[in-house]
């Protein structure tokens, strides 16, 4: 009797141990499901639909890559500043959030896929503003806004440190940033061109972009440092969907909504 009890206990322990194994990804049948973190306030790359589902170009691209490479994805809504820590902690497997892969500090913390989009920073002002025609027209008495975690935010902070503007207003969410501009609380916004263009399509005759591009940056998908297997899947899938036309179809769809 004692031996039978011990055998049952041993089976239970082994079953529990096996069920506890594995990383942050899970399996659906024979298909691996990776957790993809994003902050859906960066349209057309990352946003939500009327039912608050996470959608966007990034979402469709990583799903298409997964279909090509035989994995599924599920999306998690996180703050932009929380994406890299969540990835490093293993709580998510991939970051798909219009993230600048050229940032040397980020490169120390995560590994990036090949670039999937090149974006540029522009200054945005209200449509009736004829004073600010480029970044050179920003002055030391002005407040300038940008979205948290973006390259635009870094540029605005840089302008503040150099004494070229009065205050750097860094806020969560594109709508919040743009409303600051429309309401006259800030003189300008610095943001990625496609994101500003997407906002201009939805809020017509509110804002405009002025001057030349301030810089170019490349977006990449991020994975945990050393996760070469997943990185190779993403790069291979990205290459394939570019070659078969899927990539261009998705870009056209999201940029012409």
C-alpha atoms as a PDB file:
ATOM      1  CA  UNK A   1       0.000   0.000   0.000  1.00  0.00           C
ATOM      2  CA  UNK A   2       2.758   2.424   0.887  1.00  0.00           C
ATOM      3  CA  UNK A   3       4.533   1.702  -2.394  1.00  0.00           C
ATOM      4  CA  UNK A   4       1.308   2.411  -4.322  1.00  0.00           C
ATOM      5  CA  UNK A   5       0.852   5.741  -2.566  1.00  0.00           C
ATOM      6  CA  UNK A   6       4.446   6.709  -3.245  1.00  0.00           C
ATOM      7  CA  UNK A   7       4.046   5.791  -6.923  1.00  0.00           C
ATOM      8  CA  UNK A   8       0.935   7.953  -7.228  1.00  0.00           C
ATOM      9  CA  UNK A   9       2.669  10.865  -5.530  1.00  0.00           C
ATOM     10  CA  UNK A  10       5.686  10.492  -7.827  1.00  0.00           C
ATOM     11  CA  UNK A  11       3.434  10.583 -10.920  1.00  0.00           C
ATOM     12  CA  UNK A  12       1.690  13.702  -9.587  1.00  0.00           C
ATOM     13  CA  UNK A  13       5.011  15.464  -8.957  1.00  0.00           C
ATOM     14  CA  UNK A  14       6.284  14.619 -12.434  1.00  0.00           C
ATOM     15  CA  UNK A  15       3.045  15.806 -14.036  1.00  0.00           C
ATOM     16  CA  UNK A  16       3.215  19.097 -12.141  1.00  0.00           C
ATOM     17  CA  UNK A  17       6.870  19.592 -13.086  1.00  0.00           C
ATOM     18  CA  UNK A  18       6.139  19.079 -16.767  1.00  0.00           C
ATOM     19  CA  UNK A  19       3.187  21.442 -16.707  1.00  0.00           C
ATOM     20  CA  UNK A  20       5.361  24.131 -15.094  1.00  0.00           C
ATOM     21  CA  UNK A  21       8.021  24.006 -17.795  1.00  0.00           C
ATOM     22  CA  UNK A  22       8.250  26.421 -20.727  1.00  0.00           C
ATOM     23  CA  UNK A  23       8.822  30.097 -21.319  1.00  0.00           C
ATOM     24  CA  UNK A  24       6.388  32.938 -21.921  1.00  0.00           C
ATOM     25  CA  UNK A  25       5.206  31.383 -25.177  1.00  0.00           C
ATOM     26  CA  UNK A  26       2.618  28.632 -25.113  1.00  0.00           C
ATOM     27  CA  UNK A  27       1.515  25.990 -27.575  1.00  0.00           C
ATOM     28  CA  UNK A  28      -1.859  25.731 -29.316  1.00  0.00           C
ATOM     29  CA  UNK A  29      -1.889  22.145 -30.567  1.00  0.00           C
ATOM     30  CA  UNK A  30       1.443  21.900 -32.315  1.00  0.00           C
ATOM     31  CA  UNK A  31       1.688  25.651 -32.996  1.00  0.00           C
ATOM     32  CA  UNK A  32       3.780  27.902 -30.768  1.00  0.00           C
ATOM     33  CA  UNK A  33       2.019  31.079 -29.644  1.00  0.00           C
ATOM     34  CA  UNK A  34       4.239  34.074 -28.929  1.00  0.00           C
ATOM     35  CA  UNK A  35       3.153  36.970 -26.738  1.00  0.00           C
ATOM     36  CA  UNK A  36       3.570  40.277 -28.570  1.00  0.00           C
ATOM     37  CA  UNK A  37       3.696  43.467 -26.526  1.00  0.00           C
ATOM     38  CA  UNK A  38       2.696  46.865 -27.900  1.00  0.00           C
ATOM     39  CA  UNK A  39       1.324  50.245 -26.899  1.00  0.00           C
ATOM     40  CA  UNK A  40      -1.687  50.746 -29.200  1.00  0.00           C
ATOM     41  CA  UNK A  41      -1.601  54.554 -29.328  1.00  0.00           C
ATOM     42  CA  UNK A  42       0.638  54.911 -32.370  1.00  0.00           C
ATOM     43  CA  UNK A  43      -1.548  54.610 -35.483  1.00  0.00           C
ATOM     44  CA  UNK A  44      -1.347  53.344 -38.146  1.00  0.00           C
ATOM     45  CA  UNK A  45       1.288  51.028 -36.674  1.00  0.00           C
ATOM     46  CA  UNK A  46      -0.368  50.220 -33.357  1.00  0.00           C
ATOM     47  CA  UNK A  47      -3.916  51.217 -32.422  1.00  0.00           C
ATOM     48  CA  UNK A  48      -7.329  49.831 -31.413  1.00  0.00           C
ATOM     49  CA  UNK A  49     -10.563  49.360 -33.335  1.00  0.00           C
ATOM     50  CA  UNK A  50     -14.094  50.264 -32.213  1.00  0.00           C
ATOM     51  CA  UNK A  51     -14.231  47.104 -30.083  1.00  0.00           C
ATOM     52  CA  UNK A  52     -10.867  47.984 -28.469  1.00  0.00           C
ATOM     53  CA  UNK A  53      -9.091  45.108 -30.177  1.00  0.00           C
ATOM     54  CA  UNK A  54      -5.391  45.764 -30.784  1.00  0.00           C
ATOM     55  CA  UNK A  55      -4.884  46.332 -34.513  1.00  0.00           C
ATOM     56  CA  UNK A  56      -2.479  48.111 -36.848  1.00  0.00           C
ATOM     57  CA  UNK A  57       0.237  47.608 -39.420  1.00  0.00           C
ATOM     58  CA  UNK A  58       2.618  46.119 -36.846  1.00  0.00           C
ATOM     59  CA  UNK A  59      -0.031  43.623 -35.794  1.00  0.00           C
ATOM     60  CA  UNK A  60      -0.791  42.529 -39.348  1.00  0.00           C
ATOM     61  CA  UNK A  61       2.898  42.275 -40.229  1.00  0.00           C
ATOM     62  CA  UNK A  62       3.811  40.081 -37.268  1.00  0.00           C
ATOM     63  CA  UNK A  63       0.737  37.903 -37.906  1.00  0.00           C
ATOM     64  CA  UNK A  64       1.749  37.503 -41.551  1.00  0.00           C
ATOM     65  CA  UNK A  65       5.306  36.647 -40.467  1.00  0.00           C
ATOM     66  CA  UNK A  66       3.901  34.097 -38.029  1.00  0.00           C
ATOM     67  CA  UNK A  67       1.710  32.541 -40.711  1.00  0.00           C
ATOM     68  CA  UNK A  68       4.750  32.245 -42.952  1.00  0.00           C
ATOM     69  CA  UNK A  69       6.902  30.746 -40.195  1.00  0.00           C
ATOM     70  CA  UNK A  70       4.312  28.541 -38.512  1.00  0.00           C
ATOM     71  CA  UNK A  71       3.665  30.374 -35.258  1.00  0.00           C
ATOM     72  CA  UNK A  72       0.688  32.265 -33.817  1.00  0.00           C
ATOM     73  CA  UNK A  73       0.674  35.472 -31.798  1.00  0.00           C
ATOM     74  CA  UNK A  74      -1.410  37.073 -29.088  1.00  0.00           C
ATOM     75  CA  UNK A  75      -1.185  40.758 -28.254  1.00  0.00           C
ATOM     76  CA  UNK A  76      -0.707  42.483 -24.910  1.00  0.00           C
ATOM     77  CA  UNK A  77      -1.370  46.157 -24.216  1.00  0.00           C
ATOM     78  CA  UNK A  78       1.491  47.693 -22.233  1.00  0.00           C
ATOM     79  CA  UNK A  79       2.910  51.149 -21.677  1.00  0.00           C
ATOM     80  CA  UNK A  80       5.700  51.959 -24.108  1.00  0.00           C
ATOM     81  CA  UNK A  81       8.201  52.350 -21.267  1.00  0.00           C
ATOM     82  CA  UNK A  82       7.184  48.930 -19.974  1.00  0.00           C
ATOM     83  CA  UNK A  83       7.785  47.024 -23.200  1.00  0.00           C
ATOM     84  CA  UNK A  84      11.542  46.460 -22.921  1.00  0.00           C
ATOM     85  CA  UNK A  85      11.385  45.507 -19.203  1.00  0.00           C
ATOM     86  CA  UNK A  86       8.563  43.054 -19.969  1.00  0.00           C
ATOM     87  CA  UNK A  87      10.617  41.540 -22.780  1.00  0.00           C
ATOM     88  CA  UNK A  88      13.731  41.234 -20.616  1.00  0.00           C
ATOM     89  CA  UNK A  89      11.681  39.621 -17.841  1.00  0.00           C
ATOM     90  CA  UNK A  90      10.249  37.048 -20.242  1.00  0.00           C
ATOM     91  CA  UNK A  91       6.661  38.232 -19.807  1.00  0.00           C
ATOM     92  CA  UNK A  92       6.394  38.824 -23.561  1.00  0.00           C
ATOM     93  CA  UNK A  93       8.329  37.341 -26.467  1.00  0.00           C
ATOM     94  CA  UNK A  94       8.218  40.094 -29.090  1.00  0.00           C
ATOM     95  CA  UNK A  95       7.817  43.865 -29.127  1.00  0.00           C
ATOM     96  CA  UNK A  96       5.900  45.235 -32.115  1.00  0.00           C
ATOM     97  CA  UNK A  97       5.461  48.921 -31.409  1.00  0.00           C
ATOM     98  CA  UNK A  98       7.044  51.106 -34.070  1.00  0.00           C
ATOM     99  CA  UNK A  99      10.268  50.865 -32.070  1.00  0.00           C
ATOM    100  CA  UNK A 100      13.422  52.572 -33.351  1.00  0.00           C
ATOM    101  CA  UNK A 101      16.014  49.832 -33.833  1.00  0.00           C
ATOM    102  CA  UNK A 102      18.836  52.339 -34.319  1.00  0.00           C
ATOM    103  CA  UNK A 103      18.754  53.492 -30.697  1.00  0.00           C
ATOM    104  CA  UNK A 104      22.139  52.402 -29.241  1.00  0.00           C
ATOM    105  CA  UNK A 105      20.793  52.199 -25.691  1.00  0.00           C
ATOM    106  CA  UNK A 106      17.961  49.878 -26.740  1.00  0.00           C
ATOM    107  CA  UNK A 107      20.401  47.758 -28.713  1.00  0.00           C
ATOM    108  CA  UNK A 108      22.228  47.015 -25.463  1.00  0.00           C
ATOM    109  CA  UNK A 109      19.040  45.633 -23.912  1.00  0.00           C
ATOM    110  CA  UNK A 110      17.263  43.756 -26.720  1.00  0.00           C
ATOM    111  CA  UNK A 111      17.937  42.260 -30.142  1.00  0.00           C
ATOM    112  CA  UNK A 112      16.202  43.718 -33.182  1.00  0.00           C
ATOM    113  CA  UNK A 113      14.958  42.209 -36.399  1.00  0.00           C
ATOM    114  CA  UNK A 114      15.814  43.592 -39.790  1.00  0.00           C
ATOM    115  CA  UNK A 115      14.191  46.969 -40.404  1.00  0.00           C
ATOM    116  CA  UNK A 116      10.635  46.879 -41.715  1.00  0.00           C
ATOM    117  CA  UNK A 117       9.953  50.607 -42.033  1.00  0.00           C
ATOM    118  CA  UNK A 118      11.929  53.839 -42.290  1.00  0.00           C
ATOM    119  CA  UNK A 119      10.274  56.823 -40.682  1.00  0.00           C
ATOM    120  CA  UNK A 120      11.178  60.509 -40.296  1.00  0.00           C
ATOM    121  CA  UNK A 121      10.526  63.121 -37.637  1.00  0.00           C
ATOM    122  CA  UNK A 122       8.629  66.287 -38.493  1.00  0.00           C
ATOM    123  CA  UNK A 123       7.453  69.373 -36.648  1.00  0.00           C
ATOM    124  CA  UNK A 124       3.661  69.736 -36.549  1.00  0.00           C
ATOM    125  CA  UNK A 125       1.733  72.940 -35.801  1.00  0.00           C
ATOM    126  CA  UNK A 126      -1.875  74.058 -36.099  1.00  0.00           C
ATOM    127  CA  UNK A 127      -3.062  74.864 -39.622  1.00  0.00           C
ATOM    128  CA  UNK A 128      -3.395  78.581 -38.846  1.00  0.00           C
ATOM    129  CA  UNK A 129       0.166  78.904 -37.520  1.00  0.00           C
ATOM    130  CA  UNK A 130       2.236  80.898 -40.012  1.00  0.00           C
ATOM    131  CA  UNK A 131       5.021  81.727 -37.541  1.00  0.00           C
ATOM    132  CA  UNK A 132       6.608  78.295 -37.184  1.00  0.00           C
ATOM    133  CA  UNK A 133       7.778  77.100 -40.580  1.00  0.00           C
ATOM    134  CA  UNK A 134      10.558  74.781 -39.430  1.00  0.00           C
ATOM    135  CA  UNK A 135      12.373  73.622 -36.321  1.00  0.00           C
ATOM    136  CA  UNK A 136      14.537  76.758 -36.573  1.00  0.00           C
ATOM    137  CA  UNK A 137      11.500  78.894 -35.710  1.00  0.00           C
ATOM    138  CA  UNK A 138      11.058  77.308 -32.275  1.00  0.00           C
ATOM    139  CA  UNK A 139      12.068  79.754 -29.542  1.00  0.00           C
ATOM    140  CA  UNK A 140      13.059  79.694 -25.887  1.00  0.00           C
ATOM    141  CA  UNK A 141       9.606  80.804 -24.744  1.00  0.00           C
ATOM    142  CA  UNK A 142       7.744  77.912 -26.381  1.00  0.00           C
ATOM    143  CA  UNK A 143       6.440  74.592 -25.087  1.00  0.00           C
ATOM    144  CA  UNK A 144       6.813  71.649 -27.465  1.00  0.00           C
ATOM    145  CA  UNK A 145       5.165  68.261 -27.004  1.00  0.00           C
ATOM    146  CA  UNK A 146       5.885  64.659 -27.998  1.00  0.00           C
ATOM    147  CA  UNK A 147       4.650  61.169 -27.187  1.00  0.00           C
ATOM    148  CA  UNK A 148       6.297  59.159 -24.418  1.00  0.00           C
ATOM    149  CA  UNK A 149       9.011  56.755 -25.527  1.00  0.00           C
ATOM    150  CA  UNK A 150       9.289  58.051 -29.089  1.00  0.00           C
ATOM    151  CA  UNK A 151      12.260  59.508 -30.916  1.00  0.00           C
ATOM    152  CA  UNK A 152      10.227  62.709 -31.041  1.00  0.00           C
ATOM    153  CA  UNK A 153      10.320  62.810 -27.249  1.00  0.00           C
ATOM    154  CA  UNK A 154      14.105  62.490 -27.287  1.00  0.00           C
ATOM    155  CA  UNK A 155      14.337  65.344 -29.784  1.00  0.00           C
ATOM    156  CA  UNK A 156      12.094  67.588 -27.696  1.00  0.00           C
ATOM    157  CA  UNK A 157      14.141  66.872 -24.573  1.00  0.00           C
ATOM    158  CA  UNK A 158      17.287  67.678 -26.526  1.00  0.00           C
ATOM    159  CA  UNK A 159      15.839  71.051 -27.594  1.00  0.00           C
ATOM    160  CA  UNK A 160      14.987  71.808 -23.959  1.00  0.00           C
ATOM    161  CA  UNK A 161      18.488  70.904 -22.761  1.00  0.00           C
ATOM    162  CA  UNK A 162      19.984  73.147 -25.431  1.00  0.00           C
ATOM    163  CA  UNK A 163      17.780  76.039 -24.295  1.00  0.00           C
ATOM    164  CA  UNK A 164      16.010  76.259 -27.648  1.00  0.00           C
ATOM    165  CA  UNK A 165      12.540  75.795 -26.116  1.00  0.00           C
ATOM    166  CA  UNK A 166      11.053  76.583 -22.718  1.00  0.00           C
ATOM    167  CA  UNK A 167       9.534  73.228 -21.837  1.00  0.00           C
ATOM    168  CA  UNK A 168       9.434  69.657 -23.145  1.00  0.00           C
ATOM    169  CA  UNK A 169       5.907  68.296 -22.657  1.00  0.00           C
ATOM    170  CA  UNK A 170       6.075  64.494 -22.838  1.00  0.00           C
ATOM    171  CA  UNK A 171       2.709  62.730 -22.661  1.00  0.00           C
ATOM    172  CA  UNK A 172       1.175  59.272 -23.110  1.00  0.00           C
ATOM    173  CA  UNK A 173      -0.970  58.743 -26.184  1.00  0.00           C
ATOM    174  CA  UNK A 174      -1.034  60.460 -29.565  1.00  0.00           C
ATOM    175  CA  UNK A 175      -4.497  61.961 -29.079  1.00  0.00           C
ATOM    176  CA  UNK A 176      -3.448  63.579 -25.807  1.00  0.00           C
ATOM    177  CA  UNK A 177      -0.347  65.086 -27.426  1.00  0.00           C
ATOM    178  CA  UNK A 178      -2.245  66.447 -30.423  1.00  0.00           C
ATOM    179  CA  UNK A 179      -5.023  67.918 -28.295  1.00  0.00           C
ATOM    180  CA  UNK A 180      -2.382  69.900 -26.422  1.00  0.00           C
ATOM    181  CA  UNK A 181      -1.407  71.394 -29.772  1.00  0.00           C
ATOM    182  CA  UNK A 182      -4.950  72.029 -31.015  1.00  0.00           C
ATOM    183  CA  UNK A 183      -5.944  73.631 -27.702  1.00  0.00           C
ATOM    184  CA  UNK A 184      -2.950  75.948 -27.803  1.00  0.00           C
ATOM    185  CA  UNK A 185      -1.264  74.492 -24.727  1.00  0.00           C
ATOM    186  CA  UNK A 186       1.910  73.852 -26.739  1.00  0.00           C
ATOM    187  CA  UNK A 187       3.339  75.612 -29.780  1.00  0.00           C
ATOM    188  CA  UNK A 188       4.354  72.495 -31.697  1.00  0.00           C
ATOM    189  CA  UNK A 189       4.594  68.707 -31.662  1.00  0.00           C
ATOM    190  CA  UNK A 190       7.500  66.609 -32.918  1.00  0.00           C
ATOM    191  CA  UNK A 191       6.430  63.203 -34.137  1.00  0.00           C
ATOM    192  CA  UNK A 192       6.943  60.491 -36.749  1.00  0.00           C
ATOM    193  CA  UNK A 193       5.655  61.470 -40.177  1.00  0.00           C
ATOM    194  CA  UNK A 194       3.328  58.494 -40.875  1.00  0.00           C
ATOM    195  CA  UNK A 195       1.766  58.739 -37.423  1.00  0.00           C
ATOM    196  CA  UNK A 196       1.107  62.465 -37.835  1.00  0.00           C
ATOM    197  CA  UNK A 197      -0.263  61.863 -41.324  1.00  0.00           C
ATOM    198  CA  UNK A 198      -2.666  59.230 -39.986  1.00  0.00           C
ATOM    199  CA  UNK A 199      -3.897  61.710 -37.376  1.00  0.00           C
ATOM    200  CA  UNK A 200      -4.331  64.421 -40.031  1.00  0.00           C
ATOM    201  CA  UNK A 201      -6.584  62.121 -42.057  1.00  0.00           C
ATOM    202  CA  UNK A 202      -8.893  61.579 -39.089  1.00  0.00           C
ATOM    203  CA  UNK A 203      -8.763  65.182 -37.826  1.00  0.00           C
ATOM    204  CA  UNK A 204      -8.843  67.183 -41.039  1.00  0.00           C
ATOM    205  CA  UNK A 205      -7.928  70.877 -41.092  1.00  0.00           C
ATOM    206  CA  UNK A 206      -6.488  70.782 -37.576  1.00  0.00           C
ATOM    207  CA  UNK A 207      -2.719  70.443 -37.922  1.00  0.00           C
ATOM    208  CA  UNK A 208       0.008  70.502 -40.561  1.00  0.00           C
ATOM    209  CA  UNK A 209       3.639  69.451 -40.844  1.00  0.00           C
ATOM    210  CA  UNK A 210       6.277  72.070 -41.541  1.00  0.00           C
ATOM    211  CA  UNK A 211       9.922  72.199 -42.559  1.00  0.00           C
ATOM    212  CA  UNK A 212      12.198  69.363 -43.570  1.00  0.00           C
ATOM    213  CA  UNK A 213      12.595  65.925 -42.018  1.00  0.00           C
ATOM    214  CA  UNK A 214      14.661  66.104 -38.827  1.00  0.00           C
ATOM    215  CA  UNK A 215      16.086  62.598 -39.095  1.00  0.00           C
ATOM    216  CA  UNK A 216      15.337  59.096 -40.312  1.00  0.00           C
ATOM    217  CA  UNK A 217      14.842  56.071 -38.115  1.00  0.00           C
ATOM    218  CA  UNK A 218      14.248  52.389 -38.789  1.00  0.00           C
ATOM    219  CA  UNK A 219      11.550  50.380 -37.043  1.00  0.00           C
ATOM    220  CA  UNK A 220      12.287  46.801 -36.019  1.00  0.00           C
ATOM    221  CA  UNK A 221      10.658  44.017 -33.997  1.00  0.00           C
ATOM    222  CA  UNK A 222      12.453  43.356 -30.713  1.00  0.00           C
ATOM    223  CA  UNK A 223      13.150  40.049 -28.982  1.00  0.00           C
ATOM    224  CA  UNK A 224      14.992  39.088 -25.818  1.00  0.00           C
ATOM    225  CA  UNK A 225      18.791  39.280 -26.017  1.00  0.00           C
ATOM    226  CA  UNK A 226      20.200  36.038 -27.346  1.00  0.00           C
ATOM    227  CA  UNK A 227      16.901  34.676 -28.693  1.00  0.00           C
ATOM    228  CA  UNK A 228      18.463  33.902 -32.059  1.00  0.00           C
ATOM    229  CA  UNK A 229      15.921  31.228 -32.980  1.00  0.00           C
ATOM    230  CA  UNK A 230      12.957  33.611 -32.788  1.00  0.00           C
ATOM    231  CA  UNK A 231      14.914  36.424 -34.430  1.00  0.00           C
ATOM    232  CA  UNK A 232      15.766  34.170 -37.366  1.00  0.00           C
ATOM    233  CA  UNK A 233      12.087  33.256 -37.763  1.00  0.00           C
ATOM    234  CA  UNK A 234      11.039  36.908 -37.802  1.00  0.00           C
ATOM    235  CA  UNK A 235      13.731  37.903 -40.297  1.00  0.00           C
ATOM    236  CA  UNK A 236      12.978  34.964 -42.581  1.00  0.00           C
ATOM    237  CA  UNK A 237       9.238  35.644 -42.456  1.00  0.00           C
ATOM    238  CA  UNK A 238       9.747  39.364 -43.060  1.00  0.00           C
ATOM    239  CA  UNK A 239      11.898  38.605 -46.099  1.00  0.00           C
ATOM    240  CA  UNK A 240       9.297  36.221 -47.495  1.00  0.00           C
ATOM    241  CA  UNK A 241       6.297  38.537 -47.083  1.00  0.00           C
ATOM    242  CA  UNK A 242       8.267  41.315 -48.764  1.00  0.00           C
ATOM    243  CA  UNK A 243       9.065  39.053 -51.688  1.00  0.00           C
ATOM    244  CA  UNK A 244       5.516  37.723 -52.168  1.00  0.00           C
ATOM    245  CA  UNK A 245       3.867  41.156 -52.015  1.00  0.00           C
ATOM    246  CA  UNK A 246       2.083  40.724 -48.679  1.00  0.00           C
ATOM    247  CA  UNK A 247       4.173  43.450 -47.058  1.00  0.00           C
ATOM    248  CA  UNK A 248       3.299  46.081 -49.665  1.00  0.00           C
ATOM    249  CA  UNK A 249      -0.380  45.140 -49.551  1.00  0.00           C
ATOM    250  CA  UNK A 250      -0.521  45.638 -45.789  1.00  0.00           C
ATOM    251  CA  UNK A 251       1.369  48.938 -45.915  1.00  0.00           C
ATOM    252  CA  UNK A 252      -0.966  50.255 -48.624  1.00  0.00           C
ATOM    253  CA  UNK A 253      -4.006  49.111 -46.651  1.00  0.00           C
ATOM    254  CA  UNK A 254      -2.990  50.860 -43.437  1.00  0.00           C
ATOM    255  CA  UNK A 255      -1.642  54.024 -45.017  1.00  0.00           C
ATOM    256  CA  UNK A 256      -4.745  54.540 -47.124  1.00  0.00           C
ATOM    257  CA  UNK A 257      -7.413  53.973 -44.486  1.00  0.00           C
END
